[in-house]
């Protein structure tokens, strides 16, 4: 876990949760944007990803490992004694959803970026069929995800960096895959367990990783006092890495600052 503090009078804390295959290092631009806007940022690498144990790259024993890890980040954020906001991207969005469903947390607001509530690309039928047995017999057996960096963003600057990124994961374990499916199912079944907190979902309109129809369906299951769904036409999965990312960030920042105003903070 890392903490990046703003040089300004802090307005709040943003806890960011990255997606599958990637790591915190890909969020340098977004971290700096939040800092310049007057927010501290707390973030880490999820278990089996980034700078965590390479021996278990792309593998977890239980999705609960993710939930417990992010809970620690949130608790660290509360130590600043400022309003805390969660921002989860893709699988990080799913983790955020499951965290809110299972833990007694009430952040000042939540932003979900192209949350993984159904995948567009799943393993081949044979791999999917045998994954049930392998999940018991050989849970750490790994297979290719079939995802490429070109599927997540149109930003050539980001793509050039990603293609040379040694921390990017290309294979995941059978257990990881089965746990992800269980988490997606639980997120839908427990939609009513989401606490009544301000929510913004920002979904890529040309998502090649996550099924945006499933995201819309999940959103319409909710019954919250304040909930917003924003779809970004033509943008790929990683909306905060797209060429239009400054516009995306401004939309997210406006949501966060509006919540602070509701709490009585004066935003200049």
C-alpha atoms as a PDB file:
ATOM      1  CA  UNK A   1       0.000   0.000   0.000  1.00  0.00           C
ATOM      2  CA  UNK A   2       1.148   3.513  -0.834  1.00  0.00           C
ATOM      3  CA  UNK A   3      -0.080   6.984   0.102  1.00  0.00           C
ATOM      4  CA  UNK A   4       0.291  10.083  -2.045  1.00  0.00           C
ATOM      5  CA  UNK A   5      -0.537  13.291  -0.196  1.00  0.00           C
ATOM      6  CA  UNK A   6      -1.656  16.492  -1.873  1.00  0.00           C
ATOM      7  CA  UNK A   7       0.426  19.643  -1.516  1.00  0.00           C
ATOM      8  CA  UNK A   8      -2.778  21.644  -1.061  1.00  0.00           C
ATOM      9  CA  UNK A   9      -5.307  21.858   1.750  1.00  0.00           C
ATOM     10  CA  UNK A  10      -6.739  18.340   1.556  1.00  0.00           C
ATOM     11  CA  UNK A  11     -10.441  17.979   0.740  1.00  0.00           C
ATOM     12  CA  UNK A  12     -10.655  14.210   1.060  1.00  0.00           C
ATOM     13  CA  UNK A  13      -9.034  10.868   0.320  1.00  0.00           C
ATOM     14  CA  UNK A  14      -9.447   8.741  -2.810  1.00  0.00           C
ATOM     15  CA  UNK A  15      -8.920   4.991  -2.382  1.00  0.00           C
ATOM     16  CA  UNK A  16      -8.275   3.514  -5.817  1.00  0.00           C
ATOM     17  CA  UNK A  17      -8.599  -0.180  -6.680  1.00  0.00           C
ATOM     18  CA  UNK A  18      -7.020  -1.343  -9.937  1.00  0.00           C
ATOM     19  CA  UNK A  19      -8.271  -4.070 -12.230  1.00  0.00           C
ATOM     20  CA  UNK A  20      -7.160  -7.588 -13.123  1.00  0.00           C
ATOM     21  CA  UNK A  21      -3.806  -8.212 -14.843  1.00  0.00           C
ATOM     22  CA  UNK A  22      -2.474  -4.742 -13.961  1.00  0.00           C
ATOM     23  CA  UNK A  23      -0.962  -2.810 -11.016  1.00  0.00           C
ATOM     24  CA  UNK A  24      -0.841   0.571  -9.278  1.00  0.00           C
ATOM     25  CA  UNK A  25       2.027   1.801 -11.472  1.00  0.00           C
ATOM     26  CA  UNK A  26      -0.382   2.278 -14.379  1.00  0.00           C
ATOM     27  CA  UNK A  27      -2.266   4.960 -12.437  1.00  0.00           C
ATOM     28  CA  UNK A  28       0.432   7.606 -12.163  1.00  0.00           C
ATOM     29  CA  UNK A  29      -1.469  10.148 -14.258  1.00  0.00           C
ATOM     30  CA  UNK A  30      -4.717   9.691 -12.329  1.00  0.00           C
ATOM     31  CA  UNK A  31      -2.974   9.818  -8.946  1.00  0.00           C
ATOM     32  CA  UNK A  32      -1.344  13.117  -9.883  1.00  0.00           C
ATOM     33  CA  UNK A  33      -4.645  14.558 -11.133  1.00  0.00           C
ATOM     34  CA  UNK A  34      -6.325  13.804  -7.798  1.00  0.00           C
ATOM     35  CA  UNK A  35      -3.361  15.280  -5.894  1.00  0.00           C
ATOM     36  CA  UNK A  36      -3.488  18.484  -7.947  1.00  0.00           C
ATOM     37  CA  UNK A  37      -7.220  18.679  -7.230  1.00  0.00           C
ATOM     38  CA  UNK A  38      -6.546  18.610  -3.464  1.00  0.00           C
ATOM     39  CA  UNK A  39      -6.985  14.957  -2.562  1.00  0.00           C
ATOM     40  CA  UNK A  40      -4.782  12.391  -0.891  1.00  0.00           C
ATOM     41  CA  UNK A  41      -4.649   9.040  -2.681  1.00  0.00           C
ATOM     42  CA  UNK A  42      -4.304   5.574  -1.145  1.00  0.00           C
ATOM     43  CA  UNK A  43      -3.629   2.574  -3.362  1.00  0.00           C
ATOM     44  CA  UNK A  44      -1.745  -0.703  -3.467  1.00  0.00           C
ATOM     45  CA  UNK A  45      -1.209  -3.769  -5.634  1.00  0.00           C
ATOM     46  CA  UNK A  46      -3.806  -6.498  -5.272  1.00  0.00           C
ATOM     47  CA  UNK A  47      -2.654  -9.968  -4.148  1.00  0.00           C
ATOM     48  CA  UNK A  48      -0.917 -11.853  -6.963  1.00  0.00           C
ATOM     49  CA  UNK A  49      -0.456  -8.728  -9.057  1.00  0.00           C
ATOM     50  CA  UNK A  50       2.054  -5.943  -9.543  1.00  0.00           C
ATOM     51  CA  UNK A  51       4.847  -5.919  -6.976  1.00  0.00           C
ATOM     52  CA  UNK A  52       3.283  -8.592  -4.761  1.00  0.00           C
ATOM     53  CA  UNK A  53       4.599 -12.169  -4.745  1.00  0.00           C
ATOM     54  CA  UNK A  54       5.601 -13.191  -8.274  1.00  0.00           C
ATOM     55  CA  UNK A  55       5.240 -16.832  -7.254  1.00  0.00           C
ATOM     56  CA  UNK A  56       1.481 -16.371  -7.102  1.00  0.00           C
ATOM     57  CA  UNK A  57       1.044 -13.998 -10.030  1.00  0.00           C
ATOM     58  CA  UNK A  58      -2.446 -14.316 -11.465  1.00  0.00           C
ATOM     59  CA  UNK A  59      -3.577 -16.602  -8.639  1.00  0.00           C
ATOM     60  CA  UNK A  60      -5.665 -16.281  -5.486  1.00  0.00           C
ATOM     61  CA  UNK A  61      -7.139 -18.880  -3.152  1.00  0.00           C
ATOM     62  CA  UNK A  62     -10.259 -16.820  -2.481  1.00  0.00           C
ATOM     63  CA  UNK A  63     -11.779 -13.570  -3.744  1.00  0.00           C
ATOM     64  CA  UNK A  64     -11.945 -12.614  -0.082  1.00  0.00           C
ATOM     65  CA  UNK A  65      -8.179 -11.941  -0.276  1.00  0.00           C
ATOM     66  CA  UNK A  66      -8.963  -8.941  -2.442  1.00  0.00           C
ATOM     67  CA  UNK A  67     -11.741  -7.735  -0.139  1.00  0.00           C
ATOM     68  CA  UNK A  68      -9.560  -7.924   2.971  1.00  0.00           C
ATOM     69  CA  UNK A  69      -6.679  -6.162   1.219  1.00  0.00           C
ATOM     70  CA  UNK A  70      -8.793  -3.235   0.053  1.00  0.00           C
ATOM     71  CA  UNK A  71     -10.438  -3.010   3.480  1.00  0.00           C
ATOM     72  CA  UNK A  72      -6.945  -2.304   4.862  1.00  0.00           C
ATOM     73  CA  UNK A  73      -6.482   0.490   2.323  1.00  0.00           C
ATOM     74  CA  UNK A  74      -9.803   2.045   3.339  1.00  0.00           C
ATOM     75  CA  UNK A  75      -8.912   1.873   7.019  1.00  0.00           C
ATOM     76  CA  UNK A  76      -5.601   3.592   6.257  1.00  0.00           C
ATOM     77  CA  UNK A  77      -7.479   6.314   4.358  1.00  0.00           C
ATOM     78  CA  UNK A  78      -9.756   7.009   7.343  1.00  0.00           C
ATOM     79  CA  UNK A  79      -6.658   7.842   9.409  1.00  0.00           C
ATOM     80  CA  UNK A  80      -6.470  11.173   7.562  1.00  0.00           C
ATOM     81  CA  UNK A  81      -9.765  12.112   9.272  1.00  0.00           C
ATOM     82  CA  UNK A  82     -11.213  13.319   5.968  1.00  0.00           C
ATOM     83  CA  UNK A  83     -14.107  12.148   3.760  1.00  0.00           C
ATOM     84  CA  UNK A  84     -13.134   8.946   1.963  1.00  0.00           C
ATOM     85  CA  UNK A  85     -14.162   8.036  -1.581  1.00  0.00           C
ATOM     86  CA  UNK A  86     -13.686   4.694  -3.333  1.00  0.00           C
ATOM     87  CA  UNK A  87     -12.784   4.438  -7.006  1.00  0.00           C
ATOM     88  CA  UNK A  88     -12.696   0.917  -8.440  1.00  0.00           C
ATOM     89  CA  UNK A  89     -11.874   0.044 -12.040  1.00  0.00           C
ATOM     90  CA  UNK A  90     -13.005  -3.173 -13.774  1.00  0.00           C
ATOM     91  CA  UNK A  91     -12.275  -6.031 -11.356  1.00  0.00           C
ATOM     92  CA  UNK A  92     -11.439  -3.294  -8.863  1.00  0.00           C
ATOM     93  CA  UNK A  93     -15.026  -2.149  -9.305  1.00  0.00           C
ATOM     94  CA  UNK A  94     -16.264  -5.655  -8.558  1.00  0.00           C
ATOM     95  CA  UNK A  95     -14.031  -5.801  -5.476  1.00  0.00           C
ATOM     96  CA  UNK A  96     -15.444  -2.466  -4.332  1.00  0.00           C
ATOM     97  CA  UNK A  97     -18.993  -3.759  -4.765  1.00  0.00           C
ATOM     98  CA  UNK A  98     -18.286  -6.930  -2.795  1.00  0.00           C
ATOM     99  CA  UNK A  99     -16.473  -4.929  -0.092  1.00  0.00           C
ATOM    100  CA  UNK A 100     -19.522  -2.703   0.388  1.00  0.00           C
ATOM    101  CA  UNK A 101     -21.821  -5.739   0.459  1.00  0.00           C
ATOM    102  CA  UNK A 102     -19.783  -7.651   3.051  1.00  0.00           C
ATOM    103  CA  UNK A 103     -18.177  -4.994   5.249  1.00  0.00           C
ATOM    104  CA  UNK A 104     -19.702  -2.264   7.400  1.00  0.00           C
ATOM    105  CA  UNK A 105     -18.315   0.734   5.511  1.00  0.00           C
ATOM    106  CA  UNK A 106     -19.967   4.005   4.582  1.00  0.00           C
ATOM    107  CA  UNK A 107     -17.644   6.093   2.412  1.00  0.00           C
ATOM    108  CA  UNK A 108     -18.661   9.567   1.283  1.00  0.00           C
ATOM    109  CA  UNK A 109     -19.119   8.284  -2.262  1.00  0.00           C
ATOM    110  CA  UNK A 110     -18.185   5.542  -4.709  1.00  0.00           C
ATOM    111  CA  UNK A 111     -17.094   5.652  -8.344  1.00  0.00           C
ATOM    112  CA  UNK A 112     -17.110   2.459 -10.420  1.00  0.00           C
ATOM    113  CA  UNK A 113     -15.239   2.565 -13.716  1.00  0.00           C
ATOM    114  CA  UNK A 114     -16.359  -0.118 -16.222  1.00  0.00           C
ATOM    115  CA  UNK A 115     -16.990  -2.568 -13.338  1.00  0.00           C
ATOM    116  CA  UNK A 116     -16.520  -6.252 -14.126  1.00  0.00           C
ATOM    117  CA  UNK A 117     -20.050  -7.607 -13.753  1.00  0.00           C
ATOM    118  CA  UNK A 118     -19.808  -9.912 -16.771  1.00  0.00           C
ATOM    119  CA  UNK A 119     -16.910 -10.607 -19.104  1.00  0.00           C
ATOM    120  CA  UNK A 120     -17.254 -10.387 -22.862  1.00  0.00           C
ATOM    121  CA  UNK A 121     -14.348 -12.802 -23.389  1.00  0.00           C
ATOM    122  CA  UNK A 122     -14.461 -16.075 -21.481  1.00  0.00           C
ATOM    123  CA  UNK A 123     -12.191 -19.137 -21.773  1.00  0.00           C
ATOM    124  CA  UNK A 124     -12.803 -21.655 -24.534  1.00  0.00           C
ATOM    125  CA  UNK A 125     -15.661 -24.046 -23.815  1.00  0.00           C
ATOM    126  CA  UNK A 126     -13.315 -26.944 -23.104  1.00  0.00           C
ATOM    127  CA  UNK A 127     -11.244 -24.906 -20.635  1.00  0.00           C
ATOM    128  CA  UNK A 128     -14.405 -23.668 -18.963  1.00  0.00           C
ATOM    129  CA  UNK A 129     -15.754 -27.215 -18.692  1.00  0.00           C
ATOM    130  CA  UNK A 130     -12.641 -28.707 -17.116  1.00  0.00           C
ATOM    131  CA  UNK A 131     -12.120 -25.701 -14.834  1.00  0.00           C
ATOM    132  CA  UNK A 132     -14.643 -27.139 -12.367  1.00  0.00           C
ATOM    133  CA  UNK A 133     -12.519 -30.236 -11.799  1.00  0.00           C
ATOM    134  CA  UNK A 134      -9.192 -28.422 -11.984  1.00  0.00           C
ATOM    135  CA  UNK A 135     -10.420 -25.968  -9.361  1.00  0.00           C
ATOM    136  CA  UNK A 136     -10.211 -28.861  -6.899  1.00  0.00           C
ATOM    137  CA  UNK A 137      -7.363 -30.934  -8.340  1.00  0.00           C
ATOM    138  CA  UNK A 138      -5.027 -28.229  -9.655  1.00  0.00           C
ATOM    139  CA  UNK A 139      -6.318 -24.784  -8.629  1.00  0.00           C
ATOM    140  CA  UNK A 140      -3.065 -23.012  -9.541  1.00  0.00           C
ATOM    141  CA  UNK A 141      -3.080 -24.320 -13.138  1.00  0.00           C
ATOM    142  CA  UNK A 142      -2.890 -21.250 -15.390  1.00  0.00           C
ATOM    143  CA  UNK A 143      -4.229 -20.426 -18.818  1.00  0.00           C
ATOM    144  CA  UNK A 144      -4.078 -17.403 -21.119  1.00  0.00           C
ATOM    145  CA  UNK A 145      -6.729 -14.743 -20.622  1.00  0.00           C
ATOM    146  CA  UNK A 146      -6.926 -13.922 -24.313  1.00  0.00           C
ATOM    147  CA  UNK A 147      -6.951 -10.217 -23.452  1.00  0.00           C
ATOM    148  CA  UNK A 148      -4.496  -7.809 -25.070  1.00  0.00           C
ATOM    149  CA  UNK A 149      -3.532  -4.251 -24.212  1.00  0.00           C
ATOM    150  CA  UNK A 150      -5.043  -3.073 -27.507  1.00  0.00           C
ATOM    151  CA  UNK A 151      -8.477  -4.081 -26.214  1.00  0.00           C
ATOM    152  CA  UNK A 152      -8.459  -1.710 -23.235  1.00  0.00           C
ATOM    153  CA  UNK A 153      -7.450   1.683 -24.622  1.00  0.00           C
ATOM    154  CA  UNK A 154      -6.964   3.710 -27.812  1.00  0.00           C
ATOM    155  CA  UNK A 155      -4.255   5.823 -26.196  1.00  0.00           C
ATOM    156  CA  UNK A 156      -1.029   5.056 -28.107  1.00  0.00           C
ATOM    157  CA  UNK A 157       1.141   6.567 -25.374  1.00  0.00           C
ATOM    158  CA  UNK A 158      -0.331   4.187 -22.802  1.00  0.00           C
ATOM    159  CA  UNK A 159      -0.181   1.230 -25.202  1.00  0.00           C
ATOM    160  CA  UNK A 160       3.524   1.736 -25.836  1.00  0.00           C
ATOM    161  CA  UNK A 161       4.211   1.590 -22.095  1.00  0.00           C
ATOM    162  CA  UNK A 162       1.923  -1.408 -21.547  1.00  0.00           C
ATOM    163  CA  UNK A 163       3.586  -3.490 -24.267  1.00  0.00           C
ATOM    164  CA  UNK A 164       6.897  -3.199 -22.414  1.00  0.00           C
ATOM    165  CA  UNK A 165       5.424  -3.667 -18.928  1.00  0.00           C
ATOM    166  CA  UNK A 166       6.923  -6.765 -17.282  1.00  0.00           C
ATOM    167  CA  UNK A 167       4.378  -6.591 -14.452  1.00  0.00           C
ATOM    168  CA  UNK A 168       1.422  -7.035 -16.788  1.00  0.00           C
ATOM    169  CA  UNK A 169      -0.187 -10.466 -16.303  1.00  0.00           C
ATOM    170  CA  UNK A 170      -1.080 -12.640 -19.294  1.00  0.00           C
ATOM    171  CA  UNK A 171      -2.132 -15.832 -17.519  1.00  0.00           C
ATOM    172  CA  UNK A 172      -4.482 -16.503 -14.614  1.00  0.00           C
ATOM    173  CA  UNK A 173      -5.173 -19.584 -12.541  1.00  0.00           C
ATOM    174  CA  UNK A 174      -8.242 -21.784 -12.647  1.00  0.00           C
ATOM    175  CA  UNK A 175      -9.030 -20.828  -9.037  1.00  0.00           C
ATOM    176  CA  UNK A 176      -8.791 -17.137  -9.895  1.00  0.00           C
ATOM    177  CA  UNK A 177     -11.280 -17.621 -12.740  1.00  0.00           C
ATOM    178  CA  UNK A 178     -13.786 -19.607 -10.653  1.00  0.00           C
ATOM    179  CA  UNK A 179     -13.544 -17.100  -7.775  1.00  0.00           C
ATOM    180  CA  UNK A 180     -14.144 -14.224 -10.167  1.00  0.00           C
ATOM    181  CA  UNK A 181     -17.314 -15.892 -11.477  1.00  0.00           C
ATOM    182  CA  UNK A 182     -18.555 -16.482  -7.926  1.00  0.00           C
ATOM    183  CA  UNK A 183     -17.907 -12.833  -7.020  1.00  0.00           C
ATOM    184  CA  UNK A 184     -19.805 -11.610 -10.084  1.00  0.00           C
ATOM    185  CA  UNK A 185     -22.742 -13.849  -9.148  1.00  0.00           C
ATOM    186  CA  UNK A 186     -22.698 -12.627  -5.535  1.00  0.00           C
ATOM    187  CA  UNK A 187     -22.586  -8.984  -6.646  1.00  0.00           C
ATOM    188  CA  UNK A 188     -25.862  -9.528  -8.477  1.00  0.00           C
ATOM    189  CA  UNK A 189     -27.596 -11.607  -5.840  1.00  0.00           C
ATOM    190  CA  UNK A 190     -26.677  -9.162  -3.058  1.00  0.00           C
ATOM    191  CA  UNK A 191     -27.443  -5.928  -4.907  1.00  0.00           C
ATOM    192  CA  UNK A 192     -29.839  -4.966  -2.109  1.00  0.00           C
ATOM    193  CA  UNK A 193     -26.962  -5.102   0.386  1.00  0.00           C
ATOM    194  CA  UNK A 194     -25.252  -2.041  -1.086  1.00  0.00           C
ATOM    195  CA  UNK A 195     -25.481   0.708   1.571  1.00  0.00           C
ATOM    196  CA  UNK A 196     -27.305   3.916   0.681  1.00  0.00           C
ATOM    197  CA  UNK A 197     -24.284   5.958  -0.383  1.00  0.00           C
ATOM    198  CA  UNK A 198     -23.805   8.235  -3.416  1.00  0.00           C
ATOM    199  CA  UNK A 199     -22.782   6.149  -6.423  1.00  0.00           C
ATOM    200  CA  UNK A 200     -21.439   7.037  -9.849  1.00  0.00           C
ATOM    201  CA  UNK A 201     -20.926   4.367 -12.495  1.00  0.00           C
ATOM    202  CA  UNK A 202     -18.909   5.434 -15.524  1.00  0.00           C
ATOM    203  CA  UNK A 203     -19.028   2.842 -18.270  1.00  0.00           C
ATOM    204  CA  UNK A 204     -17.052   2.635 -21.496  1.00  0.00           C
ATOM    205  CA  UNK A 205     -19.365   2.758 -24.496  1.00  0.00           C
ATOM    206  CA  UNK A 206     -17.065   0.606 -26.650  1.00  0.00           C
ATOM    207  CA  UNK A 207     -15.968  -1.773 -23.919  1.00  0.00           C
ATOM    208  CA  UNK A 208     -14.227  -4.849 -25.333  1.00  0.00           C
ATOM    209  CA  UNK A 209     -13.652  -6.474 -21.932  1.00  0.00           C
ATOM    210  CA  UNK A 210     -16.775  -5.972 -19.797  1.00  0.00           C
ATOM    211  CA  UNK A 211     -20.365  -6.440 -20.951  1.00  0.00           C
ATOM    212  CA  UNK A 212     -21.899  -2.996 -20.494  1.00  0.00           C
ATOM    213  CA  UNK A 213     -25.406  -4.503 -20.651  1.00  0.00           C
ATOM    214  CA  UNK A 214     -24.690  -6.398 -17.431  1.00  0.00           C
ATOM    215  CA  UNK A 215     -23.445  -3.184 -15.816  1.00  0.00           C
ATOM    216  CA  UNK A 216     -26.660  -1.363 -16.757  1.00  0.00           C
ATOM    217  CA  UNK A 217     -28.769  -4.266 -15.505  1.00  0.00           C
ATOM    218  CA  UNK A 218     -26.972  -4.308 -12.140  1.00  0.00           C
ATOM    219  CA  UNK A 219     -27.320  -0.527 -11.816  1.00  0.00           C
ATOM    220  CA  UNK A 220     -31.091  -0.729 -12.301  1.00  0.00           C
ATOM    221  CA  UNK A 221     -31.345  -3.299  -9.503  1.00  0.00           C
ATOM    222  CA  UNK A 222     -30.210  -0.672  -7.006  1.00  0.00           C
ATOM    223  CA  UNK A 223     -32.394   1.564  -4.900  1.00  0.00           C
ATOM    224  CA  UNK A 224     -30.154   4.346  -3.633  1.00  0.00           C
ATOM    225  CA  UNK A 225     -30.928   7.958  -2.754  1.00  0.00           C
ATOM    226  CA  UNK A 226     -28.282   9.173  -5.200  1.00  0.00           C
ATOM    227  CA  UNK A 227     -27.077   7.066  -8.113  1.00  0.00           C
ATOM    228  CA  UNK A 228     -25.756   8.096 -11.504  1.00  0.00           C
ATOM    229  CA  UNK A 229     -24.931   6.119 -14.637  1.00  0.00           C
ATOM    230  CA  UNK A 230     -22.728   7.783 -17.252  1.00  0.00           C
ATOM    231  CA  UNK A 231     -21.784   5.983 -20.465  1.00  0.00           C
ATOM    232  CA  UNK A 232     -18.908   7.326 -22.517  1.00  0.00           C
ATOM    233  CA  UNK A 233     -19.537   6.736 -26.257  1.00  0.00           C
ATOM    234  CA  UNK A 234     -16.587   5.447 -28.291  1.00  0.00           C
ATOM    235  CA  UNK A 235     -14.333   5.014 -25.244  1.00  0.00           C
ATOM    236  CA  UNK A 236     -12.626   1.675 -24.593  1.00  0.00           C
ATOM    237  CA  UNK A 237     -12.554  -0.180 -21.270  1.00  0.00           C
ATOM    238  CA  UNK A 238      -9.976   1.966 -19.442  1.00  0.00           C
ATOM    239  CA  UNK A 239     -11.789   5.296 -19.524  1.00  0.00           C
ATOM    240  CA  UNK A 240      -9.149   6.967 -17.330  1.00  0.00           C
ATOM    241  CA  UNK A 241      -6.467   6.055 -19.892  1.00  0.00           C
ATOM    242  CA  UNK A 242      -8.336   7.078 -23.016  1.00  0.00           C
ATOM    243  CA  UNK A 243      -7.426  10.175 -25.093  1.00  0.00           C
ATOM    244  CA  UNK A 244     -10.498  11.846 -23.525  1.00  0.00           C
ATOM    245  CA  UNK A 245      -9.325  11.075 -19.984  1.00  0.00           C
ATOM    246  CA  UNK A 246      -9.183  14.704 -18.831  1.00  0.00           C
ATOM    247  CA  UNK A 247     -12.903  15.051 -19.544  1.00  0.00           C
ATOM    248  CA  UNK A 248     -13.543  11.746 -17.734  1.00  0.00           C
ATOM    249  CA  UNK A 249     -11.540  12.918 -14.734  1.00  0.00           C
ATOM    250  CA  UNK A 250     -13.388  16.243 -14.580  1.00  0.00           C
ATOM    251  CA  UNK A 251     -16.708  14.377 -14.490  1.00  0.00           C
ATOM    252  CA  UNK A 252     -15.477  12.179 -11.616  1.00  0.00           C
ATOM    253  CA  UNK A 253     -14.039  15.150  -9.726  1.00  0.00           C
ATOM    254  CA  UNK A 254     -17.309  17.064 -10.059  1.00  0.00           C
ATOM    255  CA  UNK A 255     -19.180  14.114  -8.541  1.00  0.00           C
ATOM    256  CA  UNK A 256     -16.765  13.949  -5.599  1.00  0.00           C
ATOM    257  CA  UNK A 257     -16.849  17.702  -4.966  1.00  0.00           C
ATOM    258  CA  UNK A 258     -20.654  17.725  -5.096  1.00  0.00           C
ATOM    259  CA  UNK A 259     -20.706  15.118  -2.336  1.00  0.00           C
ATOM    260  CA  UNK A 260     -18.353  17.263  -0.262  1.00  0.00           C
ATOM    261  CA  UNK A 261     -20.699  20.233  -0.691  1.00  0.00           C
ATOM    262  CA  UNK A 262     -23.581  18.080   0.553  1.00  0.00           C
ATOM    263  CA  UNK A 263     -21.470  17.330   3.627  1.00  0.00           C
ATOM    264  CA  UNK A 264     -21.025  21.040   4.274  1.00  0.00           C
ATOM    265  CA  UNK A 265     -17.531  21.541   2.870  1.00  0.00           C
ATOM    266  CA  UNK A 266     -16.769  24.750   0.984  1.00  0.00           C
ATOM    267  CA  UNK A 267     -15.235  23.887  -2.401  1.00  0.00           C
ATOM    268  CA  UNK A 268     -13.325  26.650  -4.156  1.00  0.00           C
END
